[in-house]
Amino acid sequence: MAIAANLLSVLACPSCKGKLVWGPDKTSLVCRGEQLAYPIRDGIPAMIAQEAISLSAEDMAKVDKA
């Protein structure tokens, strides 16, 4: 199940309140500022800072520049 574009536009990083974008595999939401990926499980984003995955510079280069 995909997240609707209008929902993505109102979601923010719980750490810095920055904009989130799709991860390269569309199974996570990424905060470019914090370089964190929030997983999406069963169509629901896990917006808990403790569940975020730190991304390397190589991983960040794969993130869509939307």
C-alpha atoms as a PDB file:
ATOM      1  CA  MET A   1       0.000   0.000   0.000  1.00  0.00           C
ATOM      2  CA  ALA A   2       1.438   3.368  -0.990  1.00  0.00           C
ATOM      3  CA  ILE A   3       1.309   6.543   1.014  1.00  0.00           C
ATOM      4  CA  ALA A   4      -0.814   9.235  -0.602  1.00  0.00           C
ATOM      5  CA  ALA A   5       1.069  12.296  -1.847  1.00  0.00           C
ATOM      6  CA  ASN A   6      -1.064  14.615   0.282  1.00  0.00           C
ATOM      7  CA  LEU A   7      -0.135  12.647   3.419  1.00  0.00           C
ATOM      8  CA  LEU A   8       3.556  12.750   2.527  1.00  0.00           C
ATOM      9  CA  SER A   9       3.329  16.525   2.187  1.00  0.00           C
ATOM     10  CA  VAL A  10       2.260  16.917   5.834  1.00  0.00           C
ATOM     11  CA  LEU A  11       4.577  14.362   7.424  1.00  0.00           C
ATOM     12  CA  ALA A  12       7.791  15.701   8.951  1.00  0.00           C
ATOM     13  CA  CYS A  13      10.927  14.232  10.457  1.00  0.00           C
ATOM     14  CA  PRO A  14      10.295  13.729  14.184  1.00  0.00           C
ATOM     15  CA  SER A  15      13.883  14.735  14.924  1.00  0.00           C
ATOM     16  CA  CYS A  16      14.310  18.015  13.006  1.00  0.00           C
ATOM     17  CA  LYS A  17      10.781  18.632  11.630  1.00  0.00           C
ATOM     18  CA  GLY A  18      12.238  18.676   8.102  1.00  0.00           C
ATOM     19  CA  LYS A  19      10.600  17.497   4.897  1.00  0.00           C
ATOM     20  CA  LEU A  20      10.561  13.777   4.119  1.00  0.00           C
ATOM     21  CA  VAL A  21      11.062  12.215   0.694  1.00  0.00           C
ATOM     22  CA  TRP A  22      10.751   8.677  -0.601  1.00  0.00           C
ATOM     23  CA  GLY A  23      13.703   6.366  -0.083  1.00  0.00           C
ATOM     24  CA  PRO A  24      15.220   4.788  -3.196  1.00  0.00           C
ATOM     25  CA  ASP A  25      13.283   1.539  -2.735  1.00  0.00           C
ATOM     26  CA  LYS A  26       9.985   3.229  -1.730  1.00  0.00           C
ATOM     27  CA  THR A  27       9.913   1.271   1.546  1.00  0.00           C
ATOM     28  CA  SER A  28      11.087   4.167   3.676  1.00  0.00           C
ATOM     29  CA  LEU A  29      10.798   7.923   4.101  1.00  0.00           C
ATOM     30  CA  VAL A  30      14.070   9.848   4.232  1.00  0.00           C
ATOM     31  CA  CYS A  31      15.034  13.062   5.984  1.00  0.00           C
ATOM     32  CA  ARG A  32      17.899  14.584   4.016  1.00  0.00           C
ATOM     33  CA  GLY A  33      18.865  16.982   6.809  1.00  0.00           C
ATOM     34  CA  GLU A  34      19.310  14.293   9.460  1.00  0.00           C
ATOM     35  CA  GLN A  35      20.271  11.550   6.950  1.00  0.00           C
ATOM     36  CA  LEU A  36      17.728   9.194   8.509  1.00  0.00           C
ATOM     37  CA  ALA A  37      15.355   6.684   6.943  1.00  0.00           C
ATOM     38  CA  TYR A  38      12.030   5.870   8.591  1.00  0.00           C
ATOM     39  CA  PRO A  39      10.725   2.431   7.548  1.00  0.00           C
ATOM     40  CA  ILE A  40       7.217   1.874   6.219  1.00  0.00           C
ATOM     41  CA  ARG A  41       5.577  -1.256   7.588  1.00  0.00           C
ATOM     42  CA  ASP A  42       2.253  -2.488   6.229  1.00  0.00           C
ATOM     43  CA  GLY A  43       1.689   0.911   4.633  1.00  0.00           C
ATOM     44  CA  ILE A  44       2.274   2.798   7.880  1.00  0.00           C
ATOM     45  CA  PRO A  45       5.387   4.941   8.345  1.00  0.00           C
ATOM     46  CA  ALA A  46       7.228   4.225  11.610  1.00  0.00           C
ATOM     47  CA  MET A  47       7.777   7.834  12.616  1.00  0.00           C
ATOM     48  CA  ILE A  48       9.674   7.061  15.806  1.00  0.00           C
ATOM     49  CA  ALA A  49      13.169   8.513  16.070  1.00  0.00           C
ATOM     50  CA  GLN A  50      14.484   5.351  17.756  1.00  0.00           C
ATOM     51  CA  GLU A  51      13.417   3.257  14.752  1.00  0.00           C
ATOM     52  CA  ALA A  52      15.141   5.472  12.200  1.00  0.00           C
ATOM     53  CA  ILE A  53      18.091   4.083  10.269  1.00  0.00           C
ATOM     54  CA  SER A  54      21.173   6.259   9.774  1.00  0.00           C
ATOM     55  CA  LEU A  55      22.163   6.563   6.119  1.00  0.00           C
ATOM     56  CA  SER A  56      25.680   6.741   4.741  1.00  0.00           C
ATOM     57  CA  ALA A  57      26.752   9.259   2.107  1.00  0.00           C
ATOM     58  CA  GLU A  58      26.474   6.466  -0.467  1.00  0.00           C
ATOM     59  CA  ASP A  59      22.890   5.739   0.612  1.00  0.00           C
ATOM     60  CA  MET A  60      22.011   9.449   0.496  1.00  0.00           C
ATOM     61  CA  ALA A  61      23.293   9.681  -3.081  1.00  0.00           C
ATOM     62  CA  LYS A  62      20.601   7.141  -4.055  1.00  0.00           C
ATOM     63  CA  VAL A  63      17.751   9.185  -2.583  1.00  0.00           C
ATOM     64  CA  ASP A  64      15.523  10.729  -5.216  1.00  0.00           C
ATOM     65  CA  LYS A  65      16.192  14.454  -5.632  1.00  0.00           C
ATOM     66  CA  ALA A  66      12.449  15.218  -5.669  1.00  0.00           C
END
